[in-house]
């Protein structure tokens, strides 16, 4: 008898409790306010002011100018670290002996660089107007005279060499200036040296999108497959491939 009374009382209490919780819960759920435009407007933090260049190729106010047409003071020989000796003339410089690298090192960045294939068209395929821009000294965006010059697609101008062909061939004729605008996100590594996130790159060639945020699979390899090794910030390197490619108006923005 006592057991039955207890059981009935428990059921009654539970029932009252459930009703009470439901009632209280319903009372605590607020009615959402009516949306107004200001609810989705964020005023802070305010973007800092950067003054654009006087034209689309001029460096903005926060850029590091890597070549202004005067000298190679921002560059050094990749091998040995001595001063870069590629010849400078008429506001441009031409590939000389040995690769050159920036004295500064970079992580994520926006890079602007202009280049021109030699006026004397010689050779074909990879032997014509060949150089390269190595992002963080490892990941090559190809420089090549690809104007009426067939080669393997992932080795032509604006390819991520041996990894991604360009979406289109936007080359200008030899002696005309080509423009690369590169947006680069450096790879991140775990403490054990393995890849956390791979590098990614976007390239515009003469204002035409040719690499759309593609994943870099690892350092550039001529033979074999790429494989990442952990690293930190690193320089921009320009390649001596034996062809007198000219460069001018180089600037970079750290991101």
Protein backbone atom coordinates (compact mmCIF):
# COMPACT_ATOMS: atom_id res chain seq x y z
CA UNK A 1 0.00 0.00 0.00
CA UNK A 2 2.76 2.43 0.90
CA UNK A 3 4.57 1.49 -2.32
CA UNK A 4 1.49 2.28 -4.39
CA UNK A 5 1.02 5.69 -2.71
CA UNK A 6 4.69 6.53 -3.32
CA UNK A 7 4.48 5.55 -6.95
CA UNK A 8 1.37 7.63 -7.51
CA UNK A 9 2.89 10.61 -5.77
CA UNK A 10 6.02 10.31 -7.90
CA UNK A 11 3.99 10.29 -11.10
CA UNK A 12 2.04 13.32 -9.94
CA UNK A 13 5.20 15.23 -9.03
CA UNK A 14 6.82 14.31 -12.36
CA UNK A 15 3.74 15.45 -14.24
CA UNK A 16 3.62 18.75 -12.38
CA UNK A 17 7.36 19.14 -12.89
CA UNK A 18 7.08 18.56 -16.65
CA UNK A 19 4.26 21.05 -16.99
CA UNK A 20 6.10 23.56 -14.88
CA UNK A 21 9.32 23.22 -16.96
CA UNK A 22 7.41 23.54 -20.20
CA UNK A 23 5.63 26.65 -19.02
CA UNK A 24 8.83 28.26 -17.76
CA UNK A 25 10.73 27.35 -20.95
CA UNK A 26 8.04 28.90 -23.12
CA UNK A 27 8.21 32.10 -21.11
CA UNK A 28 12.05 32.39 -21.44
CA UNK A 29 12.28 32.09 -25.23
CA UNK A 30 12.46 35.70 -26.43
CA UNK A 31 10.77 36.93 -29.55
CA UNK A 32 13.50 37.91 -32.04
CA UNK A 33 13.60 41.62 -32.78
CA UNK A 34 12.66 42.78 -36.24
CA UNK A 35 15.73 42.91 -38.47
CA UNK A 36 16.93 46.37 -39.47
CA UNK A 37 19.88 47.23 -41.76
CA UNK A 38 22.13 48.32 -38.88
CA UNK A 39 22.13 44.82 -37.40
CA UNK A 40 24.42 43.54 -40.17
CA UNK A 41 26.67 46.60 -40.36
CA UNK A 42 30.08 46.31 -38.71
CA UNK A 43 32.11 49.49 -38.21
CA UNK A 44 35.10 48.08 -36.37
CA UNK A 45 37.84 47.37 -37.09
CA UNK A 46 38.09 50.02 -39.77
CA UNK A 47 40.33 49.03 -42.74
CA UNK A 48 43.55 51.04 -42.82
CA UNK A 49 44.06 53.46 -45.68
CA UNK A 50 46.37 52.46 -48.55
CA UNK A 51 46.93 54.97 -51.34
CA UNK A 52 46.80 53.26 -54.74
CA UNK A 53 49.57 53.80 -57.27
CA UNK A 54 49.14 56.48 -59.91
CA UNK A 55 48.29 53.76 -62.42
CA UNK A 56 47.41 50.08 -62.23
CA UNK A 57 51.05 48.93 -62.26
CA UNK A 58 52.50 51.52 -59.87
CA UNK A 59 53.20 50.37 -56.30
CA UNK A 60 50.65 51.30 -53.62
CA UNK A 61 51.74 53.16 -50.53
CA UNK A 62 52.36 50.07 -48.39
CA UNK A 63 54.38 48.14 -50.99
CA UNK A 64 58.03 47.17 -50.69
CA UNK A 65 59.67 48.18 -53.97
CA UNK A 66 62.01 45.40 -55.03
CA UNK A 67 63.14 47.12 -58.23
CA UNK A 68 62.52 50.76 -59.13
CA UNK A 69 64.58 50.89 -62.30
CA UNK A 70 67.77 52.10 -60.66
CA UNK A 71 69.67 49.25 -59.03
CA UNK A 72 69.46 45.77 -57.52
CA UNK A 73 70.03 46.87 -53.92
CA UNK A 74 67.13 44.63 -52.76
CA UNK A 75 68.70 41.56 -54.38
CA UNK A 76 71.66 39.26 -53.88
CA UNK A 77 73.21 36.32 -55.68
CA UNK A 78 71.40 33.18 -54.53
CA UNK A 79 74.67 31.26 -54.35
CA UNK A 80 77.17 32.84 -52.00
CA UNK A 81 75.02 35.79 -50.96
CA UNK A 82 77.11 38.41 -52.75
CA UNK A 83 75.54 41.43 -54.47
CA UNK A 84 73.39 40.69 -57.51
CA UNK A 85 75.24 41.52 -60.72
CA UNK A 86 72.59 41.16 -63.41
CA UNK A 87 72.96 44.13 -65.78
CA UNK A 88 70.68 47.14 -65.17
CA UNK A 89 69.97 49.55 -68.02
CA UNK A 90 67.19 51.93 -69.06
CA UNK A 91 65.01 51.17 -66.05
CA UNK A 92 65.11 47.38 -66.43
CA UNK A 93 67.47 44.53 -65.69
CA UNK A 94 68.32 41.43 -67.70
CA UNK A 95 69.07 37.89 -66.60
CA UNK A 96 72.77 37.50 -65.97
CA UNK A 97 74.89 34.73 -64.50
CA UNK A 98 73.36 32.72 -61.67
CA UNK A 99 70.00 32.98 -59.89
CA UNK A 100 69.28 36.02 -57.74
CA UNK A 101 67.12 36.26 -54.60
CA UNK A 102 65.62 39.06 -52.55
CA UNK A 103 67.51 40.00 -49.42
CA UNK A 104 64.22 40.04 -47.54
CA UNK A 105 62.13 36.98 -46.78
CA UNK A 106 58.37 36.74 -47.12
CA UNK A 107 55.38 34.65 -46.08
CA UNK A 108 51.98 35.55 -47.53
CA UNK A 109 52.14 38.30 -50.14
CA UNK A 110 50.88 40.10 -53.22
CA UNK A 111 53.60 40.35 -55.87
CA UNK A 112 53.69 42.51 -58.98
CA UNK A 113 56.38 41.83 -61.57
CA UNK A 114 56.82 42.77 -65.22
CA UNK A 115 58.96 40.87 -67.71
CA UNK A 116 59.74 40.77 -71.40
CA UNK A 117 60.95 37.94 -73.64
CA UNK A 118 64.10 38.63 -75.69
CA UNK A 119 63.62 40.56 -78.92
CA UNK A 120 65.68 38.00 -80.80
CA UNK A 121 63.48 34.92 -81.03
CA UNK A 122 65.69 31.86 -80.76
CA UNK A 123 64.96 28.24 -79.94
CA UNK A 124 61.63 26.65 -79.28
CA UNK A 125 59.71 25.09 -76.42
CA UNK A 126 61.53 25.44 -73.11
CA UNK A 127 64.58 26.92 -74.82
CA UNK A 128 62.91 30.21 -75.69
CA UNK A 129 62.75 33.14 -73.28
CA UNK A 130 62.95 30.90 -70.24
CA UNK A 131 63.27 32.11 -66.65
CA UNK A 132 61.18 31.61 -63.54
CA UNK A 133 59.84 33.31 -60.42
CA UNK A 134 60.28 31.12 -57.36
CA UNK A 135 57.89 32.01 -54.56
CA UNK A 136 59.57 31.45 -51.20
CA UNK A 137 62.58 30.19 -53.19
CA UNK A 138 60.72 26.91 -53.91
CA UNK A 139 57.51 27.22 -55.88
CA UNK A 140 57.93 28.33 -59.50
CA UNK A 141 55.63 30.46 -61.60
CA UNK A 142 57.05 29.91 -65.06
CA UNK A 143 58.45 32.67 -67.25
CA UNK A 144 58.65 31.61 -70.90
CA UNK A 145 58.10 33.07 -74.35
CA UNK A 146 54.85 31.23 -75.04
CA UNK A 147 53.83 33.46 -77.94
CA UNK A 148 53.31 31.06 -80.87
CA UNK A 149 55.59 28.63 -79.07
CA UNK A 150 54.12 25.24 -78.14
CA UNK A 151 55.46 23.30 -75.18
CA UNK A 152 53.96 21.11 -72.47
CA UNK A 153 51.01 22.99 -70.98
CA UNK A 154 52.14 22.82 -67.36
CA UNK A 155 55.47 24.30 -68.39
CA UNK A 156 54.35 27.29 -70.46
CA UNK A 157 54.21 30.91 -69.30
CA UNK A 158 52.19 31.46 -66.11
CA UNK A 159 52.05 27.77 -65.24
CA UNK A 160 52.82 26.63 -61.74
CA UNK A 161 55.66 24.65 -63.20
CA UNK A 162 54.91 20.94 -63.66
CA UNK A 163 51.81 21.29 -61.44
CA UNK A 164 49.12 23.54 -62.95
CA UNK A 165 48.74 24.73 -66.53
CA UNK A 166 47.39 28.27 -66.98
CA UNK A 167 43.69 28.55 -67.77
CA UNK A 168 44.54 30.48 -70.95
CA UNK A 169 47.62 31.71 -72.82
CA UNK A 170 47.68 35.50 -72.31
CA UNK A 171 51.16 36.14 -73.75
CA UNK A 172 52.22 39.32 -75.49
CA UNK A 173 54.70 39.35 -78.37
CA UNK A 174 58.46 39.32 -77.67
CA UNK A 175 59.76 42.77 -76.57
CA UNK A 176 56.26 43.65 -75.29
CA UNK A 177 55.96 43.68 -71.51
CA UNK A 178 54.07 40.97 -69.67
CA UNK A 179 52.63 41.59 -66.21
CA UNK A 180 52.18 39.01 -63.47
CA UNK A 181 50.13 39.82 -60.38
CA UNK A 182 50.48 37.01 -57.88
CA UNK A 183 48.52 36.41 -54.67
CA UNK A 184 50.31 33.84 -52.56
CA UNK A 185 49.42 32.09 -49.31
CA UNK A 186 52.35 30.28 -47.74
CA UNK A 187 52.03 26.71 -46.47
CA UNK A 188 51.59 26.02 -42.77
CA UNK A 189 53.25 23.11 -41.02
CA UNK A 190 52.58 21.10 -37.88
CA UNK A 191 55.16 20.74 -35.13
CA UNK A 192 56.26 17.39 -36.56
CA UNK A 193 57.02 19.04 -39.92
CA UNK A 194 54.04 17.62 -41.78
CA UNK A 195 51.77 19.89 -43.83
CA UNK A 196 48.87 21.52 -42.02
CA UNK A 197 47.72 23.55 -45.04
CA UNK A 198 49.48 23.62 -48.44
CA UNK A 199 50.49 26.78 -50.27
CA UNK A 200 47.95 28.36 -52.61
CA UNK A 201 48.47 30.81 -55.47
CA UNK A 202 46.41 33.02 -57.75
CA UNK A 203 48.02 34.54 -60.86
CA UNK A 204 46.80 37.21 -63.25
CA UNK A 205 48.76 37.41 -66.51
CA UNK A 206 48.30 40.76 -68.25
CA UNK A 207 45.12 41.23 -66.23
CA UNK A 208 43.73 37.81 -67.17
CA UNK A 209 43.09 35.24 -64.44
CA UNK A 210 45.22 32.19 -65.28
CA UNK A 211 45.65 30.47 -61.88
CA UNK A 212 42.58 30.56 -59.64
CA UNK A 213 43.65 29.93 -56.04
CA UNK A 214 45.28 26.62 -56.96
CA UNK A 215 46.90 24.33 -54.43
CA UNK A 216 50.68 24.09 -54.68
CA UNK A 217 51.58 20.43 -54.25
CA UNK A 218 55.11 21.06 -53.00
CA UNK A 219 58.42 22.53 -54.19
CA UNK A 220 59.02 22.65 -57.94
CA UNK A 221 60.70 19.54 -59.32
CA UNK A 222 61.97 19.08 -62.87
CA UNK A 223 62.04 15.31 -62.40
CA UNK A 224 59.79 13.48 -59.96
CA UNK A 225 56.93 14.43 -57.71
CA UNK A 226 56.92 17.35 -55.25
CA UNK A 227 57.06 16.75 -51.50
CA UNK A 228 56.85 19.43 -48.81
CA UNK A 229 59.54 20.06 -46.23
CA UNK A 230 58.77 22.44 -43.39
CA UNK A 231 60.10 25.98 -43.75
CA UNK A 232 59.43 29.53 -42.68
CA UNK A 233 59.63 32.82 -44.54
CA UNK A 234 61.87 32.79 -47.61
CA UNK A 235 62.94 35.08 -50.47
CA UNK A 236 61.66 35.57 -54.00
CA UNK A 237 64.13 34.06 -56.47
CA UNK A 238 64.56 34.80 -60.17
CA UNK A 239 66.04 32.05 -62.33
CA UNK A 240 68.95 32.19 -64.72
CA UNK A 241 67.96 29.74 -67.47
CA UNK A 242 70.43 31.08 -69.99
CA UNK A 243 67.98 33.40 -71.80
CA UNK A 244 68.20 37.24 -71.62
CA UNK A 245 64.73 37.83 -70.17
CA UNK A 246 64.23 41.40 -68.92
CA UNK A 247 62.44 42.50 -65.73
CA UNK A 248 61.16 45.82 -64.41
CA UNK A 249 58.74 47.38 -61.90
CA UNK A 250 58.77 44.76 -59.15
CA UNK A 251 56.96 45.36 -55.87
CA UNK A 252 55.47 43.26 -53.11
CA UNK A 253 52.92 43.69 -50.33
CA UNK A 254 53.10 41.51 -47.24
CA UNK A 255 49.71 40.12 -46.26
